[in-house]
Amino acid sequence: MVRQLDDSPKTTIVYPDSDGKPMADNTRQFRWITTIKANLDWLFANNADVFVAGDLLWYPVEGD
């Protein structure tokens, strides 16, 4: 059996953190975070044991 090797270049993921601190969100992420938070508020409105909060920064993890 003959196999062809895949020698195409691998995509490099860039983590632009020049100061080592988390990157701020962009508008699209902000909308998703606030939409999800609002829906979770609605979902758990009758459950006093649930507190819903949102974090407006995202923390990329290399390789994840």
PDB file of N, CA and C in Angstrom:
ATOM      1  N   MET A   1       0.839  -1.169   0.000  1.00  0.00           N
ATOM      2  CA  MET A   1       0.000   0.000   0.000  1.00  0.00           C
ATOM      3  C   MET A   1       0.890   1.241   0.000  1.00  0.00           C
ATOM      4  N   VAL A   2       0.510   2.223  -0.789  1.00  0.00           N
ATOM      5  CA  VAL A   2       1.269   3.462  -0.890  1.00  0.00           C
ATOM      6  C   VAL A   2       0.461   4.579  -0.244  1.00  0.00           C
ATOM      7  N   ARG A   3       1.120   5.349   0.581  1.00  0.00           N
ATOM      8  CA  ARG A   3       0.467   6.494   1.222  1.00  0.00           C
ATOM      9  C   ARG A   3       1.181   7.764   0.822  1.00  0.00           C
ATOM     10  N   GLN A   4       0.397   8.791   0.587  1.00  0.00           N
ATOM     11  CA  GLN A   4       0.988  10.088   0.290  1.00  0.00           C
ATOM     12  C   GLN A   4       1.073  10.871   1.594  1.00  0.00           C
ATOM     13  N   LEU A   5       2.232  11.392   1.884  1.00  0.00           N
ATOM     14  CA  LEU A   5       2.418  12.167   3.103  1.00  0.00           C
ATOM     15  C   LEU A   5       1.825  13.556   2.937  1.00  0.00           C
ATOM     16  N   ASP A   6       1.217  14.029   3.996  1.00  0.00           N
ATOM     17  CA  ASP A   6       0.657  15.379   3.993  1.00  0.00           C
ATOM     18  C   ASP A   6       1.748  16.339   4.445  1.00  0.00           C
ATOM     19  N   ASP A   7       2.324  17.051   3.497  1.00  0.00           N
ATOM     20  CA  ASP A   7       3.391  17.990   3.840  1.00  0.00           C
ATOM     21  C   ASP A   7       2.923  19.438   3.747  1.00  0.00           C
ATOM     22  N   SER A   8       1.599  19.631   3.818  1.00  0.00           N
ATOM     23  CA  SER A   8       1.081  20.997   3.772  1.00  0.00           C
ATOM     24  C   SER A   8       1.436  21.713   5.074  1.00  0.00           C
ATOM     25  N   PRO A   9       1.689  23.003   4.998  1.00  0.00           N
ATOM     26  CA  PRO A   9       2.072  23.742   6.205  1.00  0.00           C
ATOM     27  C   PRO A   9       0.931  23.757   7.221  1.00  0.00           C
ATOM     28  N   LYS A  10       1.287  23.626   8.469  1.00  0.00           N
ATOM     29  CA  LYS A  10       0.306  23.657   9.548  1.00  0.00           C
ATOM     30  C   LYS A  10      -0.040  25.106   9.870  1.00  0.00           C
ATOM     31  N   THR A  11      -1.306  25.327  10.209  1.00  0.00           N
ATOM     32  CA  THR A  11      -1.746  26.665  10.577  1.00  0.00           C
ATOM     33  C   THR A  11      -1.177  27.020  11.943  1.00  0.00           C
ATOM     34  N   THR A  12      -0.582  28.170  12.046  1.00  0.00           N
ATOM     35  CA  THR A  12      -0.041  28.644  13.308  1.00  0.00           C
ATOM     36  C   THR A  12      -1.063  29.542  13.985  1.00  0.00           C
ATOM     37  N   ILE A  13      -1.347  29.247  15.242  1.00  0.00           N
ATOM     38  CA  ILE A  13      -2.273  30.074  16.005  1.00  0.00           C
ATOM     39  C   ILE A  13      -1.465  31.167  16.683  1.00  0.00           C
ATOM     40  N   VAL A  14      -1.919  32.400  16.554  1.00  0.00           N
ATOM     41  CA  VAL A  14      -1.214  33.541  17.132  1.00  0.00           C
ATOM     42  C   VAL A  14      -1.949  34.000  18.385  1.00  0.00           C
ATOM     43  N   TYR A  15      -1.227  34.122  19.483  1.00  0.00           N
ATOM     44  CA  TYR A  15      -1.766  34.628  20.737  1.00  0.00           C
ATOM     45  C   TYR A  15      -1.129  35.998  20.991  1.00  0.00           C
ATOM     46  N   PRO A  16      -1.768  37.079  20.523  1.00  0.00           N
ATOM     47  CA  PRO A  16      -1.149  38.410  20.599  1.00  0.00           C
ATOM     48  C   PRO A  16      -1.222  39.022  21.993  1.00  0.00           C
ATOM     49  N   ASP A  17      -0.329  38.626  22.855  1.00  0.00           N
ATOM     50  CA  ASP A  17      -0.324  39.159  24.219  1.00  0.00           C
ATOM     51  C   ASP A  17       1.026  39.787  24.524  1.00  0.00           C
ATOM     52  N   SER A  18       1.232  40.954  23.996  1.00  0.00           N
ATOM     53  CA  SER A  18       2.531  41.599  24.147  1.00  0.00           C
ATOM     54  C   SER A  18       2.854  41.939  25.595  1.00  0.00           C
ATOM     55  N   ASP A  19       1.812  42.170  26.423  1.00  0.00           N
ATOM     56  CA  ASP A  19       2.068  42.530  27.814  1.00  0.00           C
ATOM     57  C   ASP A  19       1.788  41.382  28.778  1.00  0.00           C
ATOM     58  N   GLY A  20       1.389  40.210  28.249  1.00  0.00           N
ATOM     59  CA  GLY A  20       1.134  39.059  29.102  1.00  0.00           C
ATOM     60  C   GLY A  20      -0.209  39.084  29.804  1.00  0.00           C
ATOM     61  N   LYS A  21      -1.012  40.120  29.575  1.00  0.00           N
ATOM     62  CA  LYS A  21      -2.326  40.227  30.205  1.00  0.00           C
ATOM     63  C   LYS A  21      -3.398  39.722  29.241  1.00  0.00           C
ATOM     64  N   PRO A  22      -4.585  39.349  29.775  1.00  0.00           N
ATOM     65  CA  PRO A  22      -5.655  38.864  28.899  1.00  0.00           C
ATOM     66  C   PRO A  22      -6.062  39.912  27.870  1.00  0.00           C
ATOM     67  N   MET A  23      -6.490  39.422  26.703  1.00  0.00           N
ATOM     68  CA  MET A  23      -6.947  40.323  25.652  1.00  0.00           C
ATOM     69  C   MET A  23      -8.383  40.753  25.920  1.00  0.00           C
ATOM     70  N   ALA A  24      -8.697  41.990  25.634  1.00  0.00           N
ATOM     71  CA  ALA A  24     -10.058  42.481  25.801  1.00  0.00           C
ATOM     72  C   ALA A  24     -10.942  41.896  24.704  1.00  0.00           C
ATOM     73  N   ASP A  25     -12.220  41.815  24.996  1.00  0.00           N
ATOM     74  CA  ASP A  25     -13.180  41.275  24.038  1.00  0.00           C
ATOM     75  C   ASP A  25     -13.427  42.236  22.895  1.00  0.00           C
ATOM     76  N   ASN A  26     -13.888  41.674  21.804  1.00  0.00           N
ATOM     77  CA  ASN A  26     -14.364  42.522  20.726  1.00  0.00           C
ATOM     78  C   ASN A  26     -15.887  42.595  20.815  1.00  0.00           C
ATOM     79  N   THR A  27     -16.513  43.353  19.959  1.00  0.00           N
ATOM     80  CA  THR A  27     -17.952  43.577  20.036  1.00  0.00           C
ATOM     81  C   THR A  27     -18.740  42.284  19.870  1.00  0.00           C
ATOM     82  N   ARG A  28     -18.316  41.423  18.973  1.00  0.00           N
ATOM     83  CA  ARG A  28     -19.041  40.161  18.764  1.00  0.00           C
ATOM     84  C   ARG A  28     -19.030  39.313  20.036  1.00  0.00           C
ATOM     85  N   GLN A  29     -17.874  39.195  20.663  1.00  0.00           N
ATOM     86  CA  GLN A  29     -17.791  38.419  21.899  1.00  0.00           C
ATOM     87  C   GLN A  29     -18.625  39.062  22.994  1.00  0.00           C
ATOM     88  N   PHE A  30     -18.603  40.376  23.090  1.00  0.00           N
ATOM     89  CA  PHE A  30     -19.403  41.085  24.084  1.00  0.00           C
ATOM     90  C   PHE A  30     -20.881  40.756  23.912  1.00  0.00           C
ATOM     91  N   ARG A  31     -21.357  40.789  22.656  1.00  0.00           N
ATOM     92  CA  ARG A  31     -22.773  40.470  22.397  1.00  0.00           C
ATOM     93  C   ARG A  31     -23.108  39.047  22.810  1.00  0.00           C
ATOM     94  N   TRP A  32     -22.237  38.104  22.475  1.00  0.00           N
ATOM     95  CA  TRP A  32     -22.500  36.717  22.855  1.00  0.00           C
ATOM     96  C   TRP A  32     -22.501  36.553  24.368  1.00  0.00           C
ATOM     97  N   ILE A  33     -21.537  37.133  25.043  1.00  0.00           N
ATOM     98  CA  ILE A  33     -21.459  37.009  26.501  1.00  0.00           C
ATOM     99  C   ILE A  33     -22.703  37.594  27.154  1.00  0.00           C
ATOM    100  N   THR A  34     -23.124  38.791  26.734  1.00  0.00           N
ATOM    101  CA  THR A  34     -24.297  39.412  27.349  1.00  0.00           C
ATOM    102  C   THR A  34     -25.582  38.684  26.983  1.00  0.00           C
ATOM    103  N   THR A  35     -25.667  38.144  25.771  1.00  0.00           N
ATOM    104  CA  THR A  35     -26.855  37.374  25.377  1.00  0.00           C
ATOM    105  C   THR A  35     -26.960  36.091  26.195  1.00  0.00           C
ATOM    106  N   ILE A  36     -25.855  35.384  26.327  1.00  0.00           N
ATOM    107  CA  ILE A  36     -25.861  34.148  27.114  1.00  0.00           C
ATOM    108  C   ILE A  36     -26.174  34.454  28.569  1.00  0.00           C
ATOM    109  N   LYS A  37     -25.582  35.507  29.113  1.00  0.00           N
ATOM    110  CA  LYS A  37     -25.841  35.878  30.510  1.00  0.00           C
ATOM    111  C   LYS A  37     -27.312  36.215  30.717  1.00  0.00           C
ATOM    112  N   ALA A  38     -27.896  36.993  29.808  1.00  0.00           N
ATOM    113  CA  ALA A  38     -29.313  37.364  29.926  1.00  0.00           C
ATOM    114  C   ALA A  38     -30.211  36.132  29.859  1.00  0.00           C
ATOM    115  N   ASN A  39     -29.883  35.194  28.978  1.00  0.00           N
ATOM    116  CA  ASN A  39     -30.687  33.975  28.873  1.00  0.00           C
ATOM    117  C   ASN A  39     -30.543  33.090  30.103  1.00  0.00           C
ATOM    118  N   LEU A  40     -29.359  33.032  30.679  1.00  0.00           N
ATOM    119  CA  LEU A  40     -29.190  32.281  31.919  1.00  0.00           C
ATOM    120  C   LEU A  40     -29.939  32.945  33.064  1.00  0.00           C
ATOM    121  N   ASP A  41     -29.946  34.289  33.106  1.00  0.00           N
ATOM    122  CA  ASP A  41     -30.757  35.009  34.099  1.00  0.00           C
ATOM    123  C   ASP A  41     -32.217  34.595  33.983  1.00  0.00           C
ATOM    124  N   TRP A  42     -32.716  34.578  32.758  1.00  0.00           N
ATOM    125  CA  TRP A  42     -34.106  34.204  32.509  1.00  0.00           C
ATOM    126  C   TRP A  42     -34.359  32.748  32.907  1.00  0.00           C
ATOM    127  N   LEU A  43     -33.443  31.857  32.529  1.00  0.00           N
ATOM    128  CA  LEU A  43     -33.605  30.436  32.804  1.00  0.00           C
ATOM    129  C   LEU A  43     -33.662  30.143  34.303  1.00  0.00           C
ATOM    130  N   PHE A  44     -32.851  30.849  35.075  1.00  0.00           N
ATOM    131  CA  PHE A  44     -32.764  30.583  36.508  1.00  0.00           C
ATOM    132  C   PHE A  44     -33.455  31.652  37.357  1.00  0.00           C
ATOM    133  N   ALA A  45     -34.344  32.425  36.777  1.00  0.00           N
ATOM    134  CA  ALA A  45     -35.012  33.522  37.490  1.00  0.00           C
ATOM    135  C   ALA A  45     -35.742  33.050  38.743  1.00  0.00           C
ATOM    136  N   ASN A  46     -36.271  31.847  38.740  1.00  0.00           N
ATOM    137  CA  ASN A  46     -37.036  31.338  39.881  1.00  0.00           C
ATOM    138  C   ASN A  46     -36.210  30.467  40.815  1.00  0.00           C
ATOM    139  N   ASN A  47     -34.909  30.455  40.649  1.00  0.00           N
ATOM    140  CA  ASN A  47     -34.036  29.638  41.484  1.00  0.00           C
ATOM    141  C   ASN A  47     -33.088  30.554  42.255  1.00  0.00           C
ATOM    142  N   ALA A  48     -33.406  30.765  43.529  1.00  0.00           N
ATOM    143  CA  ALA A  48     -32.609  31.677  44.363  1.00  0.00           C
ATOM    144  C   ALA A  48     -31.198  31.144  44.636  1.00  0.00           C
ATOM    145  N   ASP A  49     -30.961  29.867  44.348  1.00  0.00           N
ATOM    146  CA  ASP A  49     -29.645  29.273  44.589  1.00  0.00           C
ATOM    147  C   ASP A  49     -28.659  29.521  43.451  1.00  0.00           C
ATOM    148  N   VAL A  50     -29.119  30.175  42.389  1.00  0.00           N
ATOM    149  CA  VAL A  50     -28.268  30.383  41.217  1.00  0.00           C
ATOM    150  C   VAL A  50     -27.953  31.866  41.050  1.00  0.00           C
ATOM    151  N   PHE A  51     -26.668  32.165  40.923  1.00  0.00           N
ATOM    152  CA  PHE A  51     -26.210  33.522  40.629  1.00  0.00           C
ATOM    153  C   PHE A  51     -25.505  33.476  39.280  1.00  0.00           C
ATOM    154  N   VAL A  52     -25.907  34.334  38.378  1.00  0.00           N
ATOM    155  CA  VAL A  52     -25.319  34.360  37.039  1.00  0.00           C
ATOM    156  C   VAL A  52     -24.473  35.618  36.899  1.00  0.00           C
ATOM    157  N   ALA A  53     -23.238  35.457  36.451  1.00  0.00           N
ATOM    158  CA  ALA A  53     -22.348  36.594  36.221  1.00  0.00           C
ATOM    159  C   ALA A  53     -21.656  36.396  34.877  1.00  0.00           C
ATOM    160  N   GLY A  54     -21.070  37.443  34.373  1.00  0.00           N
ATOM    161  CA  GLY A  54     -20.338  37.355  33.115  1.00  0.00           C
ATOM    162  C   GLY A  54     -18.980  38.011  33.254  1.00  0.00           C
ATOM    163  N   ASP A  55     -18.005  37.486  32.540  1.00  0.00           N
ATOM    164  CA  ASP A  55     -16.655  38.032  32.529  1.00  0.00           C
ATOM    165  C   ASP A  55     -16.422  38.603  31.135  1.00  0.00           C
ATOM    166  N   LEU A  56     -16.135  39.870  31.061  1.00  0.00           N
ATOM    167  CA  LEU A  56     -16.013  40.512  29.761  1.00  0.00           C
ATOM    168  C   LEU A  56     -14.604  40.474  29.182  1.00  0.00           C
ATOM    169  N   LEU A  57     -13.776  39.596  29.698  1.00  0.00           N
ATOM    170  CA  LEU A  57     -12.472  39.317  29.095  1.00  0.00           C
ATOM    171  C   LEU A  57     -12.436  37.842  28.755  1.00  0.00           C
ATOM    172  N   TRP A  58     -11.721  37.497  27.698  1.00  0.00           N
ATOM    173  CA  TRP A  58     -11.550  36.078  27.394  1.00  0.00           C
ATOM    174  C   TRP A  58     -10.085  35.738  27.520  1.00  0.00           C
ATOM    175  N   TYR A  59      -9.829  34.516  27.885  1.00  0.00           N
ATOM    176  CA  TYR A  59      -8.485  34.075  28.191  1.00  0.00           C
ATOM    177  C   TYR A  59      -8.122  32.897  27.287  1.00  0.00           C
ATOM    178  N   PRO A  60      -7.466  33.147  26.159  1.00  0.00           N
ATOM    179  CA  PRO A  60      -7.113  32.038  25.279  1.00  0.00           C
ATOM    180  C   PRO A  60      -6.065  31.142  25.935  1.00  0.00           C
ATOM    181  N   VAL A  61      -6.245  29.838  25.744  1.00  0.00           N
ATOM    182  CA  VAL A  61      -5.300  28.870  26.274  1.00  0.00           C
ATOM    183  C   VAL A  61      -4.625  28.194  25.089  1.00  0.00           C
ATOM    184  N   GLU A  62      -3.323  28.286  25.030  1.00  0.00           N
ATOM    185  CA  GLU A  62      -2.594  27.722  23.898  1.00  0.00           C
ATOM    186  C   GLU A  62      -2.867  26.231  23.773  1.00  0.00           C
ATOM    187  N   GLY A  63      -3.237  25.823  22.558  1.00  0.00           N
ATOM    188  CA  GLY A  63      -3.507  24.418  22.294  1.00  0.00           C
ATOM    189  C   GLY A  63      -4.931  23.989  22.581  1.00  0.00           C
ATOM    190  N   ASP A  64      -5.756  24.872  23.111  1.00  0.00           N
ATOM    191  CA  ASP A  64      -7.140  24.523  23.440  1.00  0.00           C
ATOM    192  C   ASP A  64      -8.075  25.002  22.357  1.00  0.00           C
TER     193      ASP A  64
END
